[in-house]
């Protein structure tokens, strides 16, 4: 079949299946067994295909059959046609099972940077028809975009009460905080009491950010209502740079500093007698009906977040 020729539109998909089976099984007999038909039926399909394409597909090679140059080209074309037929079927099956579709997810920074990507990448690798968009931002922006429909749902860390008239919010995890300092900061020991925390130099998020409010609330729960702020920085990564540079301590998600602790780039400071936690919510606009795929994804995220936090706690 030349590149310029047009295939006969009377060629059935069944004929292409028979032809591909002969090529892949290495002969008429084995193809006939796989297709549960007689060898003459298979041979008749091959002759019909050759007549309609006006090319010779096979040539004798000893006792076997070998594709001609035209046969190689036809096989590539036929295999592509058959793949194209099965892709929509597979995609529709995946949609009905809730593992194919589209979802736009909003998230606050720490969960979006350190937790969700691993879960979503694993899910996408297993389900190639899934179309997923993850957008990290502030809690406020994530909620606004969920409200106006740009995100189907959001996963956000916040200590604030989410407006129940506007959103459906489910507490799905309480990620632990971890107080960290530079490994060689001799001013700070390996453990401190709650009473000593207020005197330590802190690297903090800017006042007004949701993570700052969550930190302040967690510290207030153990009686720390004021702290000595050395510098305010807007992301966990920039805060870790400041801590490693010797500016003081930072209260960050354990998951966000796990690798640095394992590598000896940061040192944990235990708060004697206390473990502090953040709050992580799954949020969607009240009244919004999730698709089967979006619902499946919320289940996957719930389980994945729980497993990840338990594994690294």
Foldseek 3Di string as FASTA:
>chain_A
DDPPDDADPVQDLVLLVLLLLCVVVFHQVVSCVVVVHDSVVSVVSQVVRCVRVVHRQWDDDPPGIDGDPVNVVVNVVSVVVVVVVVVVVVQVVCQVVLLADEFEEEEEDPCLPQFPVVLVVVSCVVRVRHHYHYHYDAPVVRVVCLQVVVGQWYKYWAPDDDPPVWKDKDFLDWFWKFKKAFLPQPVADQEDELVCQQEWEEEEADPPGRVRVQVCVQSVVRPDNHHHYQYHDHDPVVRLVVRLVPRTMYIGGCSVCVVCCVVNRMHTYHHPPDITTITIIMMHTPPDDDRSNVVVVVVSSSVRRVVVSVVRD
